Each structure stands twice: as C-alpha cells, then as structure tokens.
C-alpha cells in the first residue's frame, strides 16, 4: 500500500474552474480538511471538516455556540391575513374562512413531526380579546399545516393583522 501526501487535491480538469473541486489543507494547518470549488491554486471554500465531522457548510449552523445541537428553520413566514409579506419555503396561504388558514410548503417536510413557533398581532382599534385567545395549529402534514386564530372570551375566530411562523424539524 502506498501513501500520497499533498496539501491540495483537485478533482476535475475542466477548463472552467467552477466545475472543479479541491480538497485541501489550509496554508496554516489547523487540523481541518476543506473542500472548495475551483482549481487547486485558488479554491473557494464551501465546507470544512474536523475529526468530529462537518463544522461549516450548507447543512450546518456556524453561528451556534456551545455543545448542544443546533437546528435550523425548515420554513418561516410573516403574513398579513392571507398575504405573504416575507417567507422561506412557503409557497402559498389558503384562506379557509375567518381566522382559519392553511400554510403550504414549497418543499415538503420529511414527515409531519415538525414544531411550529408562532405569533400574531391585531390593530390598535381591535378589542383586547385577542390577548386572551390564541393560535391553534392543526392538521400537520408534510405539505402544509392549518392555523386557527381564536378569541378567548367570545370563542369566535378573527383574522390577524399580522402573524409569523417558524417551522423547525
């Protein structure tokens, strides 16, 4: 068996550098293995590994600190009634009636065992009933979930001024 030692190993010989990958050790060795896009002489880092596994790249969180695991949002949205103001991985919202919405994912979840954090607001002229009410999430599926906004004292439903959701899995 033979051993090949190198600081850079380019995979691919395409004339377009971005079609090639390079596995490399940084100029000042720090115990990491890097993967970059581009030729061996000037790769752009896309992932970094230590003996414990990937520490940066598209599937990890680099802002987390401490030893507890970190999980990123699979989807999020800010709505004004049934209108999407901003979102990630949310394709549409269906208005099923007053205070009753279905939020649809652009890319399906791997299963229906995700968690949802939510908040809602009403305009200043609204009564104080919403504070005693809440948000109920129903019908978790891989492609959508249903949300009900209810008032605490009257038991009725209401359309929120804004609402926000974050979905983790």
C-alpha atoms as a PDB file:
ATOM      1  CA  UNK A   1       0.000   0.000   0.000  1.00  0.00           C
ATOM      2  CA  UNK A   2       1.300   3.436  -0.834  1.00  0.00           C
ATOM      3  CA  UNK A   3       0.553   6.836   0.669  1.00  0.00           C
ATOM      4  CA  UNK A   4       0.120  10.003  -1.350  1.00  0.00           C
ATOM      5  CA  UNK A   5       0.699  13.223   0.588  1.00  0.00           C
ATOM      6  CA  UNK A   6      -0.438  16.579  -0.702  1.00  0.00           C
ATOM      7  CA  UNK A   7      -1.887  19.818   0.647  1.00  0.00           C
ATOM      8  CA  UNK A   8      -4.257  20.157  -2.344  1.00  0.00           C
ATOM      9  CA  UNK A   9      -6.075  17.552  -4.419  1.00  0.00           C
ATOM     10  CA  UNK A  10      -8.064  18.870  -7.363  1.00  0.00           C
ATOM     11  CA  UNK A  11     -10.973  16.722  -8.568  1.00  0.00           C
ATOM     12  CA  UNK A  12     -11.788  17.569 -12.146  1.00  0.00           C
ATOM     13  CA  UNK A  13      -9.815  19.101 -15.006  1.00  0.00           C
ATOM     14  CA  UNK A  14     -12.463  21.241 -16.668  1.00  0.00           C
ATOM     15  CA  UNK A  15     -11.303  24.485 -18.265  1.00  0.00           C
ATOM     16  CA  UNK A  16     -13.969  26.292 -16.210  1.00  0.00           C
ATOM     17  CA  UNK A  17     -12.591  26.366 -12.663  1.00  0.00           C
ATOM     18  CA  UNK A  18     -16.026  26.384 -11.014  1.00  0.00           C
ATOM     19  CA  UNK A  19     -16.665  22.921 -12.496  1.00  0.00           C
ATOM     20  CA  UNK A  20     -13.787  21.522 -10.399  1.00  0.00           C
ATOM     21  CA  UNK A  21     -13.493  20.767  -6.684  1.00  0.00           C
ATOM     22  CA  UNK A  22     -10.428  20.859  -4.470  1.00  0.00           C
ATOM     23  CA  UNK A  23      -9.857  19.015  -1.205  1.00  0.00           C
ATOM     24  CA  UNK A  24      -7.205  20.880   0.709  1.00  0.00           C
ATOM     25  CA  UNK A  25      -5.491  21.738   3.968  1.00  0.00           C
ATOM     26  CA  UNK A  26      -5.290  25.467   4.807  1.00  0.00           C
ATOM     27  CA  UNK A  27      -1.961  27.266   4.338  1.00  0.00           C
ATOM     28  CA  UNK A  28      -1.530  27.258   8.129  1.00  0.00           C
ATOM     29  CA  UNK A  29      -2.595  23.728   9.173  1.00  0.00           C
ATOM     30  CA  UNK A  30      -5.306  23.786  11.865  1.00  0.00           C
ATOM     31  CA  UNK A  31      -6.493  20.178  11.902  1.00  0.00           C
ATOM     32  CA  UNK A  32      -9.271  20.752   9.375  1.00  0.00           C
ATOM     33  CA  UNK A  33      -9.972  19.423   5.923  1.00  0.00           C
ATOM     34  CA  UNK A  34     -11.506  21.904   3.498  1.00  0.00           C
ATOM     35  CA  UNK A  35     -13.491  21.406   0.313  1.00  0.00           C
ATOM     36  CA  UNK A  36     -13.552  24.201  -2.191  1.00  0.00           C
ATOM     37  CA  UNK A  37     -14.915  24.992  -5.629  1.00  0.00           C
ATOM     38  CA  UNK A  38     -12.254  25.871  -8.145  1.00  0.00           C
ATOM     39  CA  UNK A  39      -8.771  24.801  -9.095  1.00  0.00           C
ATOM     40  CA  UNK A  40      -6.123  23.701  -6.577  1.00  0.00           C
ATOM     41  CA  UNK A  41      -4.274  27.035  -6.750  1.00  0.00           C
ATOM     42  CA  UNK A  42      -7.282  29.157  -5.596  1.00  0.00           C
ATOM     43  CA  UNK A  43     -10.307  27.210  -4.323  1.00  0.00           C
ATOM     44  CA  UNK A  44     -13.305  28.959  -2.733  1.00  0.00           C
ATOM     45  CA  UNK A  45     -14.229  27.142   0.490  1.00  0.00           C
ATOM     46  CA  UNK A  46     -17.703  25.567   0.615  1.00  0.00           C
ATOM     47  CA  UNK A  47     -17.266  23.145   3.556  1.00  0.00           C
ATOM     48  CA  UNK A  48     -14.908  22.463   6.441  1.00  0.00           C
ATOM     49  CA  UNK A  49     -14.437  19.252   8.421  1.00  0.00           C
ATOM     50  CA  UNK A  50     -12.742  18.324  11.700  1.00  0.00           C
ATOM     51  CA  UNK A  51     -12.338  14.860  13.195  1.00  0.00           C
ATOM     52  CA  UNK A  52     -15.796  15.389  14.748  1.00  0.00           C
ATOM     53  CA  UNK A  53     -17.486  15.990  11.369  1.00  0.00           C
ATOM     54  CA  UNK A  54     -18.648  18.961   9.305  1.00  0.00           C
ATOM     55  CA  UNK A  55     -18.272  22.263  11.127  1.00  0.00           C
ATOM     56  CA  UNK A  56     -19.326  24.599   8.341  1.00  0.00           C
ATOM     57  CA  UNK A  57     -21.099  24.261   5.058  1.00  0.00           C
ATOM     58  CA  UNK A  58     -24.590  24.290   3.634  1.00  0.00           C
ATOM     59  CA  UNK A  59     -26.066  21.836   6.148  1.00  0.00           C
ATOM     60  CA  UNK A  60     -24.770  23.199   9.434  1.00  0.00           C
ATOM     61  CA  UNK A  61     -25.152  26.291  11.572  1.00  0.00           C
ATOM     62  CA  UNK A  62     -21.972  28.289  12.008  1.00  0.00           C
ATOM     63  CA  UNK A  63     -23.445  30.844  14.413  1.00  0.00           C
ATOM     64  CA  UNK A  64     -24.203  28.324  17.160  1.00  0.00           C
ATOM     65  CA  UNK A  65     -22.017  28.142  20.251  1.00  0.00           C
ATOM     66  CA  UNK A  66     -21.797  25.542  22.981  1.00  0.00           C
ATOM     67  CA  UNK A  67     -22.152  21.789  22.775  1.00  0.00           C
ATOM     68  CA  UNK A  68     -25.946  21.421  22.431  1.00  0.00           C
ATOM     69  CA  UNK A  69     -27.090  20.573  18.889  1.00  0.00           C
ATOM     70  CA  UNK A  70     -28.476  23.361  16.705  1.00  0.00           C
ATOM     71  CA  UNK A  71     -31.412  23.012  14.326  1.00  0.00           C
ATOM     72  CA  UNK A  72     -32.260  25.445  11.600  1.00  0.00           C
ATOM     73  CA  UNK A  73     -35.652  26.590  10.381  1.00  0.00           C
ATOM     74  CA  UNK A  74     -37.108  24.459   7.606  1.00  0.00           C
ATOM     75  CA  UNK A  75     -39.634  27.177   6.776  1.00  0.00           C
ATOM     76  CA  UNK A  76     -40.799  30.568   8.045  1.00  0.00           C
ATOM     77  CA  UNK A  77     -43.245  33.271   7.067  1.00  0.00           C
ATOM     78  CA  UNK A  78     -44.719  36.627   8.007  1.00  0.00           C
ATOM     79  CA  UNK A  79     -48.302  37.084   6.878  1.00  0.00           C
ATOM     80  CA  UNK A  80     -50.772  39.926   6.668  1.00  0.00           C
ATOM     81  CA  UNK A  81     -54.032  37.943   6.883  1.00  0.00           C
ATOM     82  CA  UNK A  82     -53.556  35.518   3.959  1.00  0.00           C
ATOM     83  CA  UNK A  83     -50.946  37.607   2.090  1.00  0.00           C
ATOM     84  CA  UNK A  84     -47.314  36.508   2.361  1.00  0.00           C
ATOM     85  CA  UNK A  85     -45.149  39.518   3.343  1.00  0.00           C
ATOM     86  CA  UNK A  86     -41.901  37.526   3.538  1.00  0.00           C
ATOM     87  CA  UNK A  87     -41.173  33.811   3.631  1.00  0.00           C
ATOM     88  CA  UNK A  88     -38.787  30.941   3.186  1.00  0.00           C
ATOM     89  CA  UNK A  89     -40.071  27.568   1.897  1.00  0.00           C
ATOM     90  CA  UNK A  90     -43.700  28.744   1.985  1.00  0.00           C
ATOM     91  CA  UNK A  91     -45.448  28.607  -1.397  1.00  0.00           C
ATOM     92  CA  UNK A  92     -48.914  29.910  -0.573  1.00  0.00           C
ATOM     93  CA  UNK A  93     -51.587  30.521   2.044  1.00  0.00           C
ATOM     94  CA  UNK A  94     -55.191  29.358   1.662  1.00  0.00           C
ATOM     95  CA  UNK A  95     -57.938  31.372   3.410  1.00  0.00           C
ATOM     96  CA  UNK A  96     -60.445  28.775   4.694  1.00  0.00           C
ATOM     97  CA  UNK A  97     -62.680  31.371   6.396  1.00  0.00           C
ATOM     98  CA  UNK A  98     -62.375  33.910   9.217  1.00  0.00           C
ATOM     99  CA  UNK A  99     -59.308  33.093  11.313  1.00  0.00           C
ATOM    100  CA  UNK A 100     -58.703  29.796   9.501  1.00  0.00           C
ATOM    101  CA  UNK A 101     -55.704  29.388   7.171  1.00  0.00           C
ATOM    102  CA  UNK A 102     -53.707  26.608   5.532  1.00  0.00           C
ATOM    103  CA  UNK A 103     -49.978  27.356   5.144  1.00  0.00           C
ATOM    104  CA  UNK A 104     -48.439  25.403   2.228  1.00  0.00           C
ATOM    105  CA  UNK A 105     -44.753  24.434   1.984  1.00  0.00           C
ATOM    106  CA  UNK A 106     -42.795  24.990  -1.223  1.00  0.00           C
ATOM    107  CA  UNK A 107     -40.694  21.882  -0.450  1.00  0.00           C
ATOM    108  CA  UNK A 108     -42.325  19.151   1.615  1.00  0.00           C
ATOM    109  CA  UNK A 109     -41.128  18.245   5.104  1.00  0.00           C
ATOM    110  CA  UNK A 110     -39.610  14.764   5.577  1.00  0.00           C
ATOM    111  CA  UNK A 111     -42.544  13.903   7.908  1.00  0.00           C
ATOM    112  CA  UNK A 112     -45.243  15.645   9.935  1.00  0.00           C
ATOM    113  CA  UNK A 113     -43.211  15.698  13.181  1.00  0.00           C
ATOM    114  CA  UNK A 114     -42.101  19.327  12.961  1.00  0.00           C
ATOM    115  CA  UNK A 115     -42.522  22.066  15.547  1.00  0.00           C
ATOM    116  CA  UNK A 116     -44.103  25.457  14.899  1.00  0.00           C
ATOM    117  CA  UNK A 117     -43.486  28.685  16.796  1.00  0.00           C
ATOM    118  CA  UNK A 118     -45.996  31.447  16.121  1.00  0.00           C
ATOM    119  CA  UNK A 119     -47.115  34.951  16.995  1.00  0.00           C
ATOM    120  CA  UNK A 120     -49.919  37.274  15.985  1.00  0.00           C
ATOM    121  CA  UNK A 121     -50.915  40.942  16.234  1.00  0.00           C
ATOM    122  CA  UNK A 122     -54.086  42.952  15.770  1.00  0.00           C
ATOM    123  CA  UNK A 123     -54.582  46.644  15.023  1.00  0.00           C
ATOM    124  CA  UNK A 124     -54.779  49.184  17.867  1.00  0.00           C
ATOM    125  CA  UNK A 125     -58.527  49.646  17.313  1.00  0.00           C
ATOM    126  CA  UNK A 126     -59.238  45.965  17.994  1.00  0.00           C
ATOM    127  CA  UNK A 127     -60.667  44.881  21.302  1.00  0.00           C
ATOM    128  CA  UNK A 128     -58.428  43.288  23.922  1.00  0.00           C
ATOM    129  CA  UNK A 129     -59.976  39.871  23.340  1.00  0.00           C
ATOM    130  CA  UNK A 130     -57.092  38.568  21.214  1.00  0.00           C
ATOM    131  CA  UNK A 131     -54.747  38.702  24.207  1.00  0.00           C
ATOM    132  CA  UNK A 132     -56.963  36.154  25.961  1.00  0.00           C
ATOM    133  CA  UNK A 133     -57.211  33.999  22.831  1.00  0.00           C
ATOM    134  CA  UNK A 134     -54.597  32.146  20.924  1.00  0.00           C
ATOM    135  CA  UNK A 135     -53.374  30.285  17.915  1.00  0.00           C
ATOM    136  CA  UNK A 136     -54.143  26.620  17.326  1.00  0.00           C
ATOM    137  CA  UNK A 137     -52.175  24.604  14.794  1.00  0.00           C
ATOM    138  CA  UNK A 138     -53.997  21.630  13.295  1.00  0.00           C
ATOM    139  CA  UNK A 139     -53.598  19.076  10.523  1.00  0.00           C
ATOM    140  CA  UNK A 140     -49.820  18.761  10.343  1.00  0.00           C
ATOM    141  CA  UNK A 141     -48.917  17.144   7.002  1.00  0.00           C
ATOM    142  CA  UNK A 142     -45.684  17.004   5.017  1.00  0.00           C
ATOM    143  CA  UNK A 143     -47.018  19.642   2.608  1.00  0.00           C
ATOM    144  CA  UNK A 144     -48.969  22.046   4.859  1.00  0.00           C
ATOM    145  CA  UNK A 145     -50.445  22.868   8.254  1.00  0.00           C
ATOM    146  CA  UNK A 146     -53.674  24.557   9.303  1.00  0.00           C
ATOM    147  CA  UNK A 147     -53.873  27.506  11.705  1.00  0.00           C
ATOM    148  CA  UNK A 148     -56.842  28.850  13.680  1.00  0.00           C
ATOM    149  CA  UNK A 149     -56.812  32.281  15.379  1.00  0.00           C
ATOM    150  CA  UNK A 150     -59.360  32.341  18.174  1.00  0.00           C
ATOM    151  CA  UNK A 151     -60.606  34.924  20.673  1.00  0.00           C
ATOM    152  CA  UNK A 152     -60.602  33.903  24.312  1.00  0.00           C
ATOM    153  CA  UNK A 153     -63.764  35.477  25.717  1.00  0.00           C
ATOM    154  CA  UNK A 154     -66.191  35.224  22.797  1.00  0.00           C
ATOM    155  CA  UNK A 155     -64.923  31.936  21.416  1.00  0.00           C
ATOM    156  CA  UNK A 156     -65.036  33.329  17.877  1.00  0.00           C
ATOM    157  CA  UNK A 157     -62.292  33.436  15.286  1.00  0.00           C
ATOM    158  CA  UNK A 158     -60.524  36.530  13.927  1.00  0.00           C
ATOM    159  CA  UNK A 159     -58.265  37.486  11.031  1.00  0.00           C
ATOM    160  CA  UNK A 160     -54.956  38.775  12.432  1.00  0.00           C
ATOM    161  CA  UNK A 161     -53.327  41.979  11.245  1.00  0.00           C
ATOM    162  CA  UNK A 162     -50.035  40.076  11.023  1.00  0.00           C
ATOM    163  CA  UNK A 163     -48.863  36.632  12.029  1.00  0.00           C
ATOM    164  CA  UNK A 164     -45.497  34.902  11.929  1.00  0.00           C
ATOM    165  CA  UNK A 165     -44.484  31.238  11.915  1.00  0.00           C
ATOM    166  CA  UNK A 166     -41.190  29.414  12.156  1.00  0.00           C
ATOM    167  CA  UNK A 167     -41.028  25.696  11.467  1.00  0.00           C
ATOM    168  CA  UNK A 168     -38.186  23.516  12.769  1.00  0.00           C
ATOM    169  CA  UNK A 169     -37.517  19.819  12.349  1.00  0.00           C
END
